[in-house]
Amino acid sequence: MKKLFIIVLTSLLLSSCVKYKDIQYKAFEGVGVEKMEGSDMIVGVNIKVLNPNNYPINIDGKDLKASFNGKELSNVGIINTIKLESNKEASQKILIKIPKQTLITLAPMALFSGGKIKLDINGDVKVRVFLFSKKFPINFSQNVNLGDIR
C-alpha cells in the first residue's frame, strides 16, 4: 500500500510540474510540391511556429480535411512527425499527401481562380510530450498565389 501511495504522489507531483502552453503560429512561409508518389502529390507547407514550453513536443495529424476556395476536397494527413524544440521559434515543413482525386478536382479550380486559391486545413492534431498525448483542433487558412508554388 505504501508503494502505491508513493507512485500516485510522484505522478501527481510530476504532472503538476508539466504545464502545457499552446504552440503559437507565427507566419506562413510558403508552399511547394515536394514530389509525386505514385498518383499522389506530396506538398510541403512551410510555417514558422513557437514552442513556449520548457520541453520538446512532437505533433502528428493523420485525419485532416483540406479545402480549396471553400470546396472541401478530401482527407489529407501530415505524413511527417513535426518535432518542436523547447522554448524556440523555428520554421517547420509539414508534408501533406494529396490523393489523385483531389488533384483532378483542383486543376479546373486553379485555372479559373485568377492565380490565387484559399487553402484551408482543419481537423485534429495529436501533441505528444514524453508519455502523454492530447488531441487539439487545428484551423489553418491561407491565401496562396499559384505563381509562388515551387
C-alpha atoms as a PDB file:
ATOM      1  CA  MET A   1       0.000   0.000   0.000  1.00  0.00           C
ATOM      2  CA  LYS A   2       2.886   2.327   0.810  1.00  0.00           C
ATOM      3  CA  LYS A   3       4.416   1.761  -2.673  1.00  0.00           C
ATOM      4  CA  LEU A   4       1.109   2.602  -4.353  1.00  0.00           C
ATOM      5  CA  PHE A   5       0.851   5.828  -2.350  1.00  0.00           C
ATOM      6  CA  ILE A   6       4.411   6.828  -3.356  1.00  0.00           C
ATOM      7  CA  ILE A   7       3.711   6.097  -7.032  1.00  0.00           C
ATOM      8  CA  VAL A   8       0.477   8.147  -7.007  1.00  0.00           C
ATOM      9  CA  LEU A   9       2.132  11.020  -5.150  1.00  0.00           C
ATOM     10  CA  THR A  10       5.104  11.045  -7.547  1.00  0.00           C
ATOM     11  CA  SER A  11       2.783  11.019 -10.573  1.00  0.00           C
ATOM     12  CA  LEU A  12       0.791  13.956  -9.226  1.00  0.00           C
ATOM     13  CA  LEU A  13       3.926  15.960  -8.497  1.00  0.00           C
ATOM     14  CA  LEU A  14       5.395  15.314 -11.956  1.00  0.00           C
ATOM     15  CA  SER A  15       2.172  16.103 -13.785  1.00  0.00           C
ATOM     16  CA  SER A  16       1.767  19.386 -11.903  1.00  0.00           C
ATOM     17  CA  CYS A  17       5.296  20.439 -12.940  1.00  0.00           C
ATOM     18  CA  VAL A  18       4.497  19.972 -16.628  1.00  0.00           C
ATOM     19  CA  LYS A  19       2.221  22.852 -17.591  1.00  0.00           C
ATOM     20  CA  TYR A  20       1.367  22.842 -21.285  1.00  0.00           C
ATOM     21  CA  LYS A  21       1.306  26.152 -23.190  1.00  0.00           C
ATOM     22  CA  ASP A  22      -0.255  26.265 -26.660  1.00  0.00           C
ATOM     23  CA  ILE A  23       2.047  26.267 -29.663  1.00  0.00           C
ATOM     24  CA  GLN A  24       1.999  29.712 -31.301  1.00  0.00           C
ATOM     25  CA  TYR A  25       1.624  30.064 -35.071  1.00  0.00           C
ATOM     26  CA  LYS A  26       3.824  32.936 -36.259  1.00  0.00           C
ATOM     27  CA  ALA A  27       3.892  33.036 -40.060  1.00  0.00           C
ATOM     28  CA  PHE A  28       3.141  31.288 -43.337  1.00  0.00           C
ATOM     29  CA  GLU A  29       6.382  30.889 -45.285  1.00  0.00           C
ATOM     30  CA  GLY A  30       5.239  29.182 -48.462  1.00  0.00           C
ATOM     31  CA  VAL A  31       4.024  26.028 -50.101  1.00  0.00           C
ATOM     32  CA  GLY A  32       5.653  23.777 -52.649  1.00  0.00           C
ATOM     33  CA  VAL A  33       5.347  20.469 -54.424  1.00  0.00           C
ATOM     34  CA  GLU A  34       7.892  18.123 -52.856  1.00  0.00           C
ATOM     35  CA  LYS A  35       7.400  15.043 -55.054  1.00  0.00           C
ATOM     36  CA  MET A  36       4.951  12.746 -56.770  1.00  0.00           C
ATOM     37  CA  GLU A  37       4.432   9.414 -55.029  1.00  0.00           C
ATOM     38  CA  GLY A  38       2.536   7.029 -57.257  1.00  0.00           C
ATOM     39  CA  SER A  39      -0.534   9.011 -58.274  1.00  0.00           C
ATOM     40  CA  ASP A  40      -0.455  11.165 -55.131  1.00  0.00           C
ATOM     41  CA  MET A  41       1.267  14.510 -54.659  1.00  0.00           C
ATOM     42  CA  ILE A  42       3.356  15.339 -51.587  1.00  0.00           C
ATOM     43  CA  VAL A  43       3.062  19.039 -50.759  1.00  0.00           C
ATOM     44  CA  GLY A  44       5.228  20.878 -48.243  1.00  0.00           C
ATOM     45  CA  VAL A  45       3.617  23.703 -46.277  1.00  0.00           C
ATOM     46  CA  ASN A  46       6.224  25.855 -44.545  1.00  0.00           C
ATOM     47  CA  ILE A  47       5.208  27.679 -41.379  1.00  0.00           C
ATOM     48  CA  LYS A  48       7.008  29.376 -38.508  1.00  0.00           C
ATOM     49  CA  VAL A  49       5.895  28.336 -35.007  1.00  0.00           C
ATOM     50  CA  LEU A  50       6.961  28.939 -31.424  1.00  0.00           C
ATOM     51  CA  ASN A  51       7.069  26.255 -28.751  1.00  0.00           C
ATOM     52  CA  PRO A  52       6.852  28.266 -25.478  1.00  0.00           C
ATOM     53  CA  ASN A  53       7.189  25.150 -23.329  1.00  0.00           C
ATOM     54  CA  ASN A  54      10.260  24.026 -21.395  1.00  0.00           C
ATOM     55  CA  TYR A  55      10.219  20.651 -23.139  1.00  0.00           C
ATOM     56  CA  PRO A  56      10.217  19.414 -26.753  1.00  0.00           C
ATOM     57  CA  ILE A  57       6.927  18.475 -28.415  1.00  0.00           C
ATOM     58  CA  ASN A  58       6.018  16.100 -31.262  1.00  0.00           C
ATOM     59  CA  ILE A  59       2.951  16.717 -33.436  1.00  0.00           C
ATOM     60  CA  ASP A  60       1.112  14.239 -35.693  1.00  0.00           C
ATOM     61  CA  GLY A  61      -2.052  14.702 -37.737  1.00  0.00           C
ATOM     62  CA  LYS A  62      -3.496  11.880 -39.802  1.00  0.00           C
ATOM     63  CA  ASP A  63      -7.143  12.913 -40.267  1.00  0.00           C
ATOM     64  CA  LEU A  64      -7.271  16.438 -41.592  1.00  0.00           C
ATOM     65  CA  LYS A  65      -9.646  17.939 -44.144  1.00  0.00           C
ATOM     66  CA  ALA A  66      -8.370  20.173 -46.924  1.00  0.00           C
ATOM     67  CA  SER A  67     -10.409  22.637 -48.909  1.00  0.00           C
ATOM     68  CA  PHE A  68      -9.513  24.994 -51.711  1.00  0.00           C
ATOM     69  CA  ASN A  69     -11.612  28.117 -52.273  1.00  0.00           C
ATOM     70  CA  GLY A  70     -14.191  26.784 -49.816  1.00  0.00           C
ATOM     71  CA  LYS A  71     -14.685  23.465 -51.612  1.00  0.00           C
ATOM     72  CA  GLU A  72     -13.832  20.510 -49.399  1.00  0.00           C
ATOM     73  CA  LEU A  73     -11.770  18.097 -51.405  1.00  0.00           C
ATOM     74  CA  SER A  74     -10.626  15.174 -49.321  1.00  0.00           C
ATOM     75  CA  ASN A  75      -8.938  13.894 -46.247  1.00  0.00           C
ATOM     76  CA  VAL A  76      -5.270  14.687 -46.084  1.00  0.00           C
ATOM     77  CA  GLY A  77      -2.723  13.777 -43.467  1.00  0.00           C
ATOM     78  CA  ILE A  78       0.556  15.030 -42.141  1.00  0.00           C
ATOM     79  CA  ILE A  79       2.990  12.300 -43.138  1.00  0.00           C
ATOM     80  CA  ASN A  80       5.931  13.523 -41.092  1.00  0.00           C
ATOM     81  CA  THR A  81       6.189  13.943 -37.339  1.00  0.00           C
ATOM     82  CA  ILE A  82       6.807  17.594 -36.510  1.00  0.00           C
ATOM     83  CA  LYS A  83       9.399  17.982 -33.768  1.00  0.00           C
ATOM     84  CA  LEU A  84       9.468  21.302 -31.942  1.00  0.00           C
ATOM     85  CA  GLU A  85      12.394  22.106 -29.688  1.00  0.00           C
ATOM     86  CA  SER A  86      11.715  23.668 -26.286  1.00  0.00           C
ATOM     87  CA  ASN A  87      11.445  27.463 -25.973  1.00  0.00           C
ATOM     88  CA  LYS A  88      12.278  28.013 -29.619  1.00  0.00           C
ATOM     89  CA  GLU A  89      10.760  29.673 -32.672  1.00  0.00           C
ATOM     90  CA  ALA A  90      11.522  27.709 -35.810  1.00  0.00           C
ATOM     91  CA  SER A  91      10.424  27.078 -39.385  1.00  0.00           C
ATOM     92  CA  GLN A  92       8.697  23.746 -39.906  1.00  0.00           C
ATOM     93  CA  LYS A  93       7.830  21.895 -43.096  1.00  0.00           C
ATOM     94  CA  ILE A  94       4.571  19.990 -42.888  1.00  0.00           C
ATOM     95  CA  LEU A  95       4.369  17.290 -45.548  1.00  0.00           C
ATOM     96  CA  ILE A  96       0.841  16.571 -46.732  1.00  0.00           C
ATOM     97  CA  LYS A  97      -0.218  13.772 -49.081  1.00  0.00           C
ATOM     98  CA  ILE A  98      -2.887  14.857 -51.560  1.00  0.00           C
ATOM     99  CA  PRO A  99      -4.680  11.988 -53.329  1.00  0.00           C
ATOM    100  CA  LYS A 100      -5.061  11.859 -57.138  1.00  0.00           C
ATOM    101  CA  GLN A 101      -8.835  12.515 -56.966  1.00  0.00           C
ATOM    102  CA  THR A 102      -8.155  15.776 -55.126  1.00  0.00           C
ATOM    103  CA  LEU A 103      -5.684  16.852 -57.807  1.00  0.00           C
ATOM    104  CA  ILE A 104      -8.255  16.203 -60.549  1.00  0.00           C
ATOM    105  CA  THR A 105     -10.764  18.422 -58.730  1.00  0.00           C
ATOM    106  CA  LEU A 106      -8.183  21.113 -58.022  1.00  0.00           C
ATOM    107  CA  ALA A 107      -6.950  21.621 -61.609  1.00  0.00           C
ATOM    108  CA  PRO A 108     -10.055  23.375 -63.044  1.00  0.00           C
ATOM    109  CA  MET A 109     -10.431  25.418 -59.863  1.00  0.00           C
ATOM    110  CA  ALA A 110      -6.840  26.653 -60.173  1.00  0.00           C
ATOM    111  CA  LEU A 111      -7.324  27.642 -63.829  1.00  0.00           C
ATOM    112  CA  PHE A 112     -10.377  29.826 -63.132  1.00  0.00           C
ATOM    113  CA  SER A 113      -9.274  31.379 -59.845  1.00  0.00           C
ATOM    114  CA  GLY A 114      -7.050  34.110 -61.262  1.00  0.00           C
ATOM    115  CA  GLY A 115      -3.916  32.511 -59.888  1.00  0.00           C
ATOM    116  CA  LYS A 116      -4.945  32.585 -56.230  1.00  0.00           C
ATOM    117  CA  ILE A 117      -6.574  29.949 -54.064  1.00  0.00           C
ATOM    118  CA  LYS A 118      -7.578  29.876 -50.439  1.00  0.00           C
ATOM    119  CA  LEU A 119      -6.142  26.842 -48.673  1.00  0.00           C
ATOM    120  CA  ASP A 120      -7.920  25.634 -45.522  1.00  0.00           C
ATOM    121  CA  ILE A 121      -6.782  22.711 -43.382  1.00  0.00           C
ATOM    122  CA  ASN A 122      -8.979  21.642 -40.476  1.00  0.00           C
ATOM    123  CA  GLY A 123      -9.053  18.714 -38.110  1.00  0.00           C
ATOM    124  CA  ASP A 124      -7.280  17.382 -35.061  1.00  0.00           C
ATOM    125  CA  VAL A 125      -3.581  17.003 -34.417  1.00  0.00           C
ATOM    126  CA  LYS A 126      -2.043  14.922 -31.671  1.00  0.00           C
ATOM    127  CA  VAL A 127       0.530  16.634 -29.478  1.00  0.00           C
ATOM    128  CA  ARG A 128       2.891  14.260 -27.650  1.00  0.00           C
ATOM    129  CA  VAL A 129       5.099  15.086 -24.702  1.00  0.00           C
ATOM    130  CA  PHE A 130       7.031  12.270 -23.058  1.00  0.00           C
ATOM    131  CA  LEU A 131       4.404   9.556 -22.436  1.00  0.00           C
ATOM    132  CA  PHE A 132       1.437  11.942 -22.583  1.00  0.00           C
ATOM    133  CA  SER A 133      -0.582  12.885 -25.649  1.00  0.00           C
ATOM    134  CA  LYS A 134      -3.599  15.060 -26.302  1.00  0.00           C
ATOM    135  CA  LYS A 135      -5.642  15.980 -29.375  1.00  0.00           C
ATOM    136  CA  PHE A 136      -6.086  19.617 -30.326  1.00  0.00           C
ATOM    137  CA  PRO A 137      -8.166  21.162 -33.111  1.00  0.00           C
ATOM    138  CA  ILE A 138      -6.338  22.930 -35.923  1.00  0.00           C
ATOM    139  CA  ASN A 139      -7.877  25.525 -38.245  1.00  0.00           C
ATOM    140  CA  PHE A 140      -5.367  26.806 -40.783  1.00  0.00           C
ATOM    141  CA  SER A 141      -6.365  29.199 -43.549  1.00  0.00           C
ATOM    142  CA  GLN A 142      -4.074  30.923 -46.030  1.00  0.00           C
ATOM    143  CA  ASN A 143      -4.380  32.571 -49.444  1.00  0.00           C
ATOM    144  CA  VAL A 144      -1.823  31.049 -51.813  1.00  0.00           C
ATOM    145  CA  ASN A 145      -0.657  32.610 -55.053  1.00  0.00           C
ATOM    146  CA  LEU A 146      -0.239  29.730 -57.517  1.00  0.00           C
ATOM    147  CA  GLY A 147       2.717  31.524 -59.095  1.00  0.00           C
ATOM    148  CA  ASP A 148       4.584  31.221 -55.793  1.00  0.00           C
ATOM    149  CA  ILE A 149       4.315  27.427 -55.641  1.00  0.00           C
ATOM    150  CA  ARG A 150       7.721  25.927 -56.262  1.00  0.00           C
END
